[in-house]
Amino acid sequence: MSKESLSDQATQITTILPRLLRRLSVPYSEDPAMDLPLAQMRVCSLLYDGSQTMSALSRELGISLSAMTQIADRLERSHLVERVSEEGDRRVKLLCLTDQGREIMRLKREKRKRRVSKVLRRLDTESRRAVLDALQMLLDAAYKDPADAKGRMPAEKGLIL
């Protein structure tokens, strides 16, 4: 058995993960979010897990606050998000999905979940558990060094598929 270098393994992961994500995230023809630019889709995806401030979203996405404001303005004009005052401090504005935005993201995630389930059915129970454990370990390792993640933490513990 040959020993692969850390660099070889990193190369394999950086090749496999994007291909896997593309394969599992292929848009379907009836996808109501298909026309959304990627940045807007990413914001909606983050907001599906709960309302956030504009500054928190800009940090999570690694974009400037002014760019985040432009994205939020476009999403608001499309009636997918709204700005609301934070309970307890009306000066703080949160961005949250509207009912329409929430439904679009729910449908998108449900379709992705069905696609992933179809793929996982091809593996036995032990292999599925090994894949999930390995992905969770990789995610945890990615967030161990705050400098690498710019201080961001995942919205919730566990993988979001």
C-alpha atoms as a PDB file:
ATOM      1  CA  MET A   1       0.000   0.000   0.000  1.00  0.00           C
ATOM      2  CA  SER A   2       1.535   3.317  -1.051  1.00  0.00           C
ATOM      3  CA  LYS A   3       1.600   6.280   1.251  1.00  0.00           C
ATOM      4  CA  GLU A   4       0.005   9.358  -0.206  1.00  0.00           C
ATOM      5  CA  SER A   5       1.367  12.705   0.785  1.00  0.00           C
ATOM      6  CA  LEU A   6      -0.803  15.309   2.469  1.00  0.00           C
ATOM      7  CA  SER A   7      -0.535  17.368  -0.718  1.00  0.00           C
ATOM      8  CA  ASP A   8      -1.784  14.424  -2.830  1.00  0.00           C
ATOM      9  CA  GLN A   9      -4.734  13.934  -0.471  1.00  0.00           C
ATOM     10  CA  ALA A  10      -5.551  17.659  -0.552  1.00  0.00           C
ATOM     11  CA  THR A  11      -5.485  17.537  -4.342  1.00  0.00           C
ATOM     12  CA  GLN A  12      -7.857  14.573  -4.350  1.00  0.00           C
ATOM     13  CA  ILE A  13     -10.282  16.304  -1.979  1.00  0.00           C
ATOM     14  CA  THR A  14     -10.205  19.562  -3.949  1.00  0.00           C
ATOM     15  CA  THR A  15     -10.989  17.557  -7.069  1.00  0.00           C
ATOM     16  CA  ILE A  16     -13.653  15.269  -5.600  1.00  0.00           C
ATOM     17  CA  LEU A  17     -15.692  17.719  -3.489  1.00  0.00           C
ATOM     18  CA  PRO A  18     -16.600  20.215  -6.243  1.00  0.00           C
ATOM     19  CA  ARG A  19     -17.507  17.377  -8.627  1.00  0.00           C
ATOM     20  CA  LEU A  20     -19.640  15.725  -5.943  1.00  0.00           C
ATOM     21  CA  LEU A  21     -21.392  18.966  -5.037  1.00  0.00           C
ATOM     22  CA  ARG A  22     -22.077  19.777  -8.692  1.00  0.00           C
ATOM     23  CA  ARG A  23     -23.509  16.301  -9.222  1.00  0.00           C
ATOM     24  CA  LEU A  24     -25.729  16.502  -6.137  1.00  0.00           C
ATOM     25  CA  SER A  25     -26.829  20.093  -6.797  1.00  0.00           C
ATOM     26  CA  VAL A  26     -27.742  19.984 -10.464  1.00  0.00           C
ATOM     27  CA  PRO A  27     -30.672  22.369 -10.869  1.00  0.00           C
ATOM     28  CA  TYR A  28     -33.903  20.843 -12.048  1.00  0.00           C
ATOM     29  CA  SER A  29     -36.028  22.502 -14.729  1.00  0.00           C
ATOM     30  CA  GLU A  30     -38.834  23.541 -12.347  1.00  0.00           C
ATOM     31  CA  ASP A  31     -36.414  24.992  -9.783  1.00  0.00           C
ATOM     32  CA  PRO A  32     -37.920  28.366  -8.833  1.00  0.00           C
ATOM     33  CA  ALA A  33     -34.478  29.550  -7.682  1.00  0.00           C
ATOM     34  CA  MET A  34     -32.809  28.689 -10.969  1.00  0.00           C
ATOM     35  CA  ASP A  35     -32.751  32.328 -12.105  1.00  0.00           C
ATOM     36  CA  LEU A  36     -31.164  33.645  -8.907  1.00  0.00           C
ATOM     37  CA  PRO A  37     -27.511  34.645  -9.136  1.00  0.00           C
ATOM     38  CA  LEU A  38     -25.204  32.511  -6.996  1.00  0.00           C
ATOM     39  CA  ALA A  39     -24.590  35.210  -4.368  1.00  0.00           C
ATOM     40  CA  GLN A  40     -28.324  35.699  -3.852  1.00  0.00           C
ATOM     41  CA  MET A  41     -28.836  31.943  -3.647  1.00  0.00           C
ATOM     42  CA  ARG A  42     -26.118  31.657  -0.995  1.00  0.00           C
ATOM     43  CA  VAL A  43     -27.758  34.399   1.087  1.00  0.00           C
ATOM     44  CA  CYS A  44     -31.155  32.708   0.860  1.00  0.00           C
ATOM     45  CA  SER A  45     -29.591  29.392   1.795  1.00  0.00           C
ATOM     46  CA  LEU A  46     -28.009  30.915   4.913  1.00  0.00           C
ATOM     47  CA  LEU A  47     -31.258  32.646   5.850  1.00  0.00           C
ATOM     48  CA  TYR A  48     -33.183  29.385   5.577  1.00  0.00           C
ATOM     49  CA  ASP A  49     -31.472  28.416   8.824  1.00  0.00           C
ATOM     50  CA  GLY A  50     -32.640  31.641  10.491  1.00  0.00           C
ATOM     51  CA  SER A  51     -32.531  35.423  10.320  1.00  0.00           C
ATOM     52  CA  GLN A  52     -29.133  37.109  10.443  1.00  0.00           C
ATOM     53  CA  THR A  53     -27.707  40.594  10.493  1.00  0.00           C
ATOM     54  CA  MET A  54     -26.216  41.995   7.332  1.00  0.00           C
ATOM     55  CA  SER A  55     -22.775  42.137   8.938  1.00  0.00           C
ATOM     56  CA  ALA A  56     -22.979  38.469   9.980  1.00  0.00           C
ATOM     57  CA  LEU A  57     -23.980  37.495   6.448  1.00  0.00           C
ATOM     58  CA  SER A  58     -21.182  39.553   4.901  1.00  0.00           C
ATOM     59  CA  ARG A  59     -18.628  37.876   7.207  1.00  0.00           C
ATOM     60  CA  GLU A  60     -19.996  34.400   6.471  1.00  0.00           C
ATOM     61  CA  LEU A  61     -19.869  35.002   2.727  1.00  0.00           C
ATOM     62  CA  GLY A  62     -16.554  36.842   2.807  1.00  0.00           C
ATOM     63  CA  ILE A  63     -17.923  39.922   1.046  1.00  0.00           C
ATOM     64  CA  SER A  64     -18.048  43.607   1.937  1.00  0.00           C
ATOM     65  CA  LEU A  65     -21.009  45.049   3.790  1.00  0.00           C
ATOM     66  CA  SER A  66     -21.790  47.286   0.802  1.00  0.00           C
ATOM     67  CA  ALA A  67     -21.892  44.233  -1.512  1.00  0.00           C
ATOM     68  CA  MET A  68     -24.120  42.462   1.014  1.00  0.00           C
ATOM     69  CA  THR A  69     -26.444  45.486   1.056  1.00  0.00           C
ATOM     70  CA  GLN A  70     -26.726  45.384  -2.738  1.00  0.00           C
ATOM     71  CA  ILE A  71     -27.581  41.671  -2.662  1.00  0.00           C
ATOM     72  CA  ALA A  72     -30.158  42.252   0.097  1.00  0.00           C
ATOM     73  CA  ASP A  73     -31.712  45.127  -1.863  1.00  0.00           C
ATOM     74  CA  ARG A  74     -32.126  42.906  -4.935  1.00  0.00           C
ATOM     75  CA  LEU A  75     -33.589  40.060  -2.885  1.00  0.00           C
ATOM     76  CA  GLU A  76     -35.948  42.474  -1.162  1.00  0.00           C
ATOM     77  CA  ARG A  77     -37.146  43.848  -4.531  1.00  0.00           C
ATOM     78  CA  SER A  78     -37.792  40.227  -5.577  1.00  0.00           C
ATOM     79  CA  HIS A  79     -39.872  39.729  -2.400  1.00  0.00           C
ATOM     80  CA  LEU A  80     -37.629  36.893  -1.211  1.00  0.00           C
ATOM     81  CA  VAL A  81     -36.261  38.615   1.915  1.00  0.00           C
ATOM     82  CA  GLU A  82     -37.295  41.403   4.250  1.00  0.00           C
ATOM     83  CA  ARG A  83     -35.516  43.521   6.813  1.00  0.00           C
ATOM     84  CA  VAL A  84     -36.969  43.340  10.305  1.00  0.00           C
ATOM     85  CA  SER A  85     -36.010  44.908  13.617  1.00  0.00           C
ATOM     86  CA  GLU A  86     -34.386  42.635  16.148  1.00  0.00           C
ATOM     87  CA  GLU A  87     -36.592  41.985  19.136  1.00  0.00           C
ATOM     88  CA  GLY A  88     -35.252  43.980  22.069  1.00  0.00           C
ATOM     89  CA  ASP A  89     -33.145  46.361  19.959  1.00  0.00           C
ATOM     90  CA  ARG A  90     -35.005  48.071  17.114  1.00  0.00           C
ATOM     91  CA  ARG A  91     -31.738  49.624  15.867  1.00  0.00           C
ATOM     92  CA  VAL A  92     -30.472  46.195  14.772  1.00  0.00           C
ATOM     93  CA  LYS A  93     -31.918  45.055  11.458  1.00  0.00           C
ATOM     94  CA  LEU A  94     -32.126  41.391  10.584  1.00  0.00           C
ATOM     95  CA  LEU A  95     -32.530  39.956   7.135  1.00  0.00           C
ATOM     96  CA  CYS A  96     -35.021  37.098   6.948  1.00  0.00           C
ATOM     97  CA  LEU A  97     -36.734  35.115   4.238  1.00  0.00           C
ATOM     98  CA  THR A  98     -40.280  35.976   3.292  1.00  0.00           C
ATOM     99  CA  ASP A  99     -42.818  33.161   3.041  1.00  0.00           C
ATOM    100  CA  GLN A 100     -42.122  33.055  -0.699  1.00  0.00           C
ATOM    101  CA  GLY A 101     -38.359  32.880  -0.134  1.00  0.00           C
ATOM    102  CA  ARG A 102     -38.752  30.191   2.523  1.00  0.00           C
ATOM    103  CA  GLU A 103     -40.902  28.065   0.209  1.00  0.00           C
ATOM    104  CA  ILE A 104     -38.418  28.357  -2.663  1.00  0.00           C
ATOM    105  CA  MET A 105     -35.561  27.268  -0.405  1.00  0.00           C
ATOM    106  CA  ARG A 106     -37.636  24.460   1.132  1.00  0.00           C
ATOM    107  CA  LEU A 107     -38.384  23.062  -2.322  1.00  0.00           C
ATOM    108  CA  LYS A 108     -34.729  23.374  -3.340  1.00  0.00           C
ATOM    109  CA  ARG A 109     -33.493  21.572  -0.216  1.00  0.00           C
ATOM    110  CA  GLU A 110     -36.153  18.872  -0.517  1.00  0.00           C
ATOM    111  CA  LYS A 111     -35.114  18.162  -4.103  1.00  0.00           C
ATOM    112  CA  ARG A 112     -31.437  18.034  -3.081  1.00  0.00           C
ATOM    113  CA  LYS A 113     -32.280  15.722  -0.178  1.00  0.00           C
ATOM    114  CA  ARG A 114     -34.074  13.322  -2.546  1.00  0.00           C
ATOM    115  CA  ARG A 115     -31.077  13.393  -4.913  1.00  0.00           C
ATOM    116  CA  VAL A 116     -28.632  12.655  -2.057  1.00  0.00           C
ATOM    117  CA  SER A 117     -30.903   9.887  -0.725  1.00  0.00           C
ATOM    118  CA  LYS A 118     -30.907   8.267  -4.153  1.00  0.00           C
ATOM    119  CA  VAL A 119     -27.099   8.243  -4.156  1.00  0.00           C
ATOM    120  CA  LEU A 120     -26.825   7.045  -0.545  1.00  0.00           C
ATOM    121  CA  ARG A 121     -29.134   4.090  -1.301  1.00  0.00           C
ATOM    122  CA  ARG A 122     -26.324   2.726  -3.469  1.00  0.00           C
ATOM    123  CA  LEU A 123     -24.152   2.321  -0.357  1.00  0.00           C
ATOM    124  CA  ASP A 124     -24.610  -0.122   2.481  1.00  0.00           C
ATOM    125  CA  THR A 125     -25.402   1.172   5.973  1.00  0.00           C
ATOM    126  CA  GLU A 126     -21.815   0.941   7.187  1.00  0.00           C
ATOM    127  CA  SER A 127     -20.459   2.804   4.166  1.00  0.00           C
ATOM    128  CA  ARG A 128     -23.061   5.563   4.564  1.00  0.00           C
ATOM    129  CA  ARG A 129     -22.062   6.008   8.200  1.00  0.00           C
ATOM    130  CA  ALA A 130     -18.370   6.095   7.238  1.00  0.00           C
ATOM    131  CA  VAL A 131     -19.033   8.799   4.608  1.00  0.00           C
ATOM    132  CA  LEU A 132     -21.042  10.920   7.070  1.00  0.00           C
ATOM    133  CA  ASP A 133     -18.425  10.531   9.792  1.00  0.00           C
ATOM    134  CA  ALA A 134     -15.613  11.462   7.400  1.00  0.00           C
ATOM    135  CA  LEU A 135     -17.461  14.536   6.110  1.00  0.00           C
ATOM    136  CA  GLN A 136     -18.263  15.667   9.659  1.00  0.00           C
ATOM    137  CA  MET A 137     -14.606  15.236  10.684  1.00  0.00           C
ATOM    138  CA  LEU A 138     -13.516  17.285   7.674  1.00  0.00           C
ATOM    139  CA  LEU A 139     -16.051  20.021   8.507  1.00  0.00           C
ATOM    140  CA  ASP A 140     -14.978  20.090  12.160  1.00  0.00           C
ATOM    141  CA  ALA A 141     -11.311  20.331  11.152  1.00  0.00           C
ATOM    142  CA  ALA A 142     -12.134  23.211   8.794  1.00  0.00           C
ATOM    143  CA  TYR A 143     -13.503  25.227  11.715  1.00  0.00           C
ATOM    144  CA  LYS A 144     -10.739  24.450  14.228  1.00  0.00           C
ATOM    145  CA  ASP A 145      -8.536  27.361  13.188  1.00  0.00           C
ATOM    146  CA  PRO A 146     -10.557  30.580  13.362  1.00  0.00           C
ATOM    147  CA  ALA A 147      -7.967  32.316  11.171  1.00  0.00           C
ATOM    148  CA  ASP A 148      -8.735  29.882   8.331  1.00  0.00           C
ATOM    149  CA  ALA A 149     -12.486  30.351   8.654  1.00  0.00           C
ATOM    150  CA  LYS A 150     -12.290  34.110   9.343  1.00  0.00           C
ATOM    151  CA  GLY A 151     -13.960  33.428  12.665  1.00  0.00           C
ATOM    152  CA  ARG A 152     -17.063  31.917  11.073  1.00  0.00           C
ATOM    153  CA  MET A 153     -18.811  28.947  12.555  1.00  0.00           C
ATOM    154  CA  PRO A 154     -21.421  26.759  10.861  1.00  0.00           C
ATOM    155  CA  ALA A 155     -25.019  27.813  11.410  1.00  0.00           C
ATOM    156  CA  GLU A 156     -25.696  24.583  13.230  1.00  0.00           C
ATOM    157  CA  LYS A 157     -23.858  21.474  14.327  1.00  0.00           C
ATOM    158  CA  GLY A 158     -23.885  18.755  11.748  1.00  0.00           C
ATOM    159  CA  LEU A 159     -23.874  18.582   7.995  1.00  0.00           C
ATOM    160  CA  ILE A 160     -26.458  20.412   6.003  1.00  0.00           C
ATOM    161  CA  LEU A 161     -27.240  18.530   2.836  1.00  0.00           C
END
